[in-house]
Protein backbone atom coordinates (compact mmCIF):
# COMPACT_ATOMS: atom_id res chain seq x y z
CA MET A 1 -16.01 37.76 -46.21
CA SER A 2 -16.84 40.88 -48.28
CA ASP A 3 -16.05 44.49 -47.63
CA PRO A 4 -18.22 46.86 -49.55
CA GLY A 5 -15.94 49.77 -48.55
CA ARG A 6 -16.23 53.05 -46.67
CA ALA A 7 -19.64 54.56 -46.39
CA GLY A 8 -19.02 58.25 -46.85
CA ARG A 9 -17.29 60.43 -44.31
CA THR A 10 -18.89 58.84 -41.29
CA GLY A 11 -16.03 56.26 -40.99
CA ARG A 12 -18.34 53.30 -41.19
CA THR A 13 -17.92 50.16 -43.17
CA GLY A 14 -20.14 47.19 -43.65
CA ARG A 15 -18.72 43.61 -43.75
CA ARG A 16 -20.06 40.15 -43.91
CA GLU A 17 -18.24 38.12 -41.26
CA GLY A 18 -16.52 34.94 -42.05
CA THR A 19 -14.06 33.04 -39.80
CA ARG A 20 -11.37 35.69 -40.04
CA HIS A 21 -11.24 39.55 -40.05
CA ARG A 22 -8.87 42.15 -40.90
CA ASN A 23 -7.83 44.37 -38.05
CA ASP A 24 -8.86 47.75 -39.37
CA GLY A 25 -8.79 49.39 -35.93
CA GLY A 26 -11.84 51.19 -34.71
CA THR A 27 -14.95 49.61 -33.37
CA ARG A 28 -16.51 46.44 -34.80
CA VAL A 29 -20.28 46.22 -34.03
CA LEU A 30 -22.18 42.95 -34.74
CA ILE A 31 -25.60 43.90 -36.04
CA ASP A 32 -27.16 40.42 -36.04
CA ARG A 33 -29.28 38.91 -33.22
CA LEU A 34 -27.18 35.66 -33.40
CA ARG A 35 -23.44 35.31 -33.50
CA PRO A 36 -22.00 33.97 -36.77
CA ARG A 37 -22.08 30.11 -36.55
CA GLY A 38 -18.77 28.61 -35.49
CA VAL A 39 -17.13 32.00 -34.86
CA SER A 40 -16.52 33.19 -31.30
CA ARG A 41 -16.95 36.94 -30.44
CA GLU A 42 -13.16 37.00 -29.90
CA GLN A 43 -12.40 35.31 -33.24
CA ALA A 44 -14.63 37.91 -34.96
CA GLY A 45 -13.02 40.76 -33.07
CA ILE A 46 -16.44 42.03 -32.03
CA ASP A 47 -16.26 45.08 -29.74
CA GLU A 48 -19.96 45.76 -29.39
CA TRP A 49 -23.02 43.63 -29.84
CA PRO A 50 -26.11 45.77 -29.21
CA LYS A 51 -28.92 43.27 -29.64
CA ASP A 52 -31.43 46.09 -29.28
CA ILE A 53 -30.61 47.33 -32.78
CA THR A 54 -31.30 43.99 -34.38
CA PRO A 55 -34.70 43.08 -35.95
CA SER A 56 -37.06 41.30 -33.54
CA LYS A 57 -37.40 37.59 -33.73
CA GLU A 58 -40.89 37.99 -35.26
CA LEU A 59 -39.63 40.26 -37.98
CA ARG A 60 -36.75 38.05 -38.83
CA SER A 61 -38.98 34.96 -38.98
CA TRP A 62 -41.54 36.80 -41.16
CA HIS A 63 -38.72 37.90 -43.53
CA HIS A 64 -37.15 34.50 -43.76
CA GLU A 65 -40.53 32.91 -44.76
CA ASP A 66 -40.21 34.69 -48.04
CA ARG A 67 -37.55 33.10 -50.27
CA THR A 68 -38.34 35.36 -53.29
CA GLY A 69 -37.10 38.59 -51.85
CA ALA A 70 -40.47 40.24 -52.39
CA ARG A 71 -40.66 41.39 -48.74
CA CYS A 72 -37.51 43.51 -48.79
CA ASP A 73 -39.34 46.87 -49.00
CA ALA A 74 -41.75 45.87 -46.31
CA LEU A 75 -38.85 44.60 -44.19
CA ALA A 76 -37.23 48.04 -44.37
CA ASP A 77 -40.47 49.75 -43.33
CA ARG A 78 -41.16 47.40 -40.48
CA TYR A 79 -37.55 47.53 -39.27
CA ARG A 80 -37.64 51.30 -39.30
CA ALA A 81 -40.78 51.21 -37.20
CA GLU A 82 -38.98 48.86 -34.71
CA LEU A 83 -35.95 51.32 -34.51
CA ALA A 84 -38.36 54.05 -33.42
CA ASP A 85 -39.04 52.07 -30.18
CA PRO A 86 -37.33 54.03 -27.30
CA VAL A 87 -35.17 51.08 -26.24
CA ARG A 88 -34.00 50.50 -29.86
CA ALA A 89 -33.66 54.22 -30.45
CA ALA A 90 -31.30 54.46 -27.39
CA ALA A 91 -29.18 51.61 -28.93
CA VAL A 92 -29.13 53.39 -32.27
CA ASP A 93 -28.03 56.66 -30.43
CA ARG A 94 -25.14 54.66 -28.92
CA LEU A 95 -24.16 53.54 -32.44
CA VAL A 96 -24.35 57.16 -33.72
CA GLY A 97 -22.24 58.26 -30.80
CA LEU A 98 -19.52 55.75 -31.82
CA VAL A 99 -19.53 57.29 -35.29
CA ARG A 100 -19.39 60.88 -33.85
CA GLU A 101 -16.37 59.88 -31.77
CA GLY A 102 -14.52 59.78 -35.08
CA GLY A 103 -12.95 56.37 -35.16
CA PRO A 104 -13.90 53.93 -37.84
CA VAL A 105 -16.99 51.86 -37.06
CA THR A 106 -17.41 48.52 -38.88
CA LEU A 107 -20.96 47.05 -38.93
CA VAL A 108 -20.50 43.32 -39.00
CA THR A 109 -23.09 40.85 -40.28
CA ALA A 110 -23.10 37.11 -41.14
CA VAL A 111 -26.19 37.61 -43.38
CA LYS A 112 -25.47 36.18 -46.87
CA GLY A 113 -27.98 38.41 -48.68
CA ALA A 114 -26.90 41.56 -46.81
CA PRO A 115 -28.34 43.98 -49.50
CA HIS A 116 -31.82 42.39 -48.93
CA SER A 117 -31.56 42.33 -45.09
CA HIS A 118 -31.81 44.76 -42.27
CA ALA A 119 -28.20 45.85 -42.72
CA PRO A 120 -28.80 48.56 -45.34
CA VAL A 121 -31.60 50.07 -43.31
CA LEU A 122 -29.38 50.17 -40.17
CA VAL A 123 -26.44 51.68 -42.17
CA GLY A 124 -28.71 54.50 -43.42
CA HIS A 125 -30.43 55.17 -40.08
CA PRO A 126 -27.37 56.66 -38.24
CA GLU A 127 -26.43 58.66 -41.29
CA HIS A 128 -29.94 60.13 -41.27
CA GLU A 129 -29.68 60.82 -37.53
CA LEU A 130 -26.27 62.50 -38.06
CA ARG A 131 -27.72 64.80 -40.83
CA HIS A 132 -30.87 65.80 -38.87
CA HIS A 133 -29.76 65.87 -35.18
CA HIS A 134 -26.27 67.29 -34.90
């Protein structure tokens, strides 16, 4: 499990989930469509699991077809387009609301290559929303 640290003043962290977690307080949000293999929601300490903020099955399948990492930029563009969908936008607004409430929000993922996944896009999206819509 890795912890890249705090992401600015928003009180968010990003973390790859393993079989154990530190109790940092705040809200732990699973940002993957599927729960980490072999780890229950309770074991991972997941408070929220908004599946509407995760990439679609089609987008995940398309991204996983490429083992070279060449599709990362296109993944980001396609995922941002998905996040503009009204249902997904409402789920993102809920995530932004958690950040605005002031407690730490930890975005949890089981993705091994998190820097080349949907995670960085999602981390940047609420920050963009906070800057432009407060």
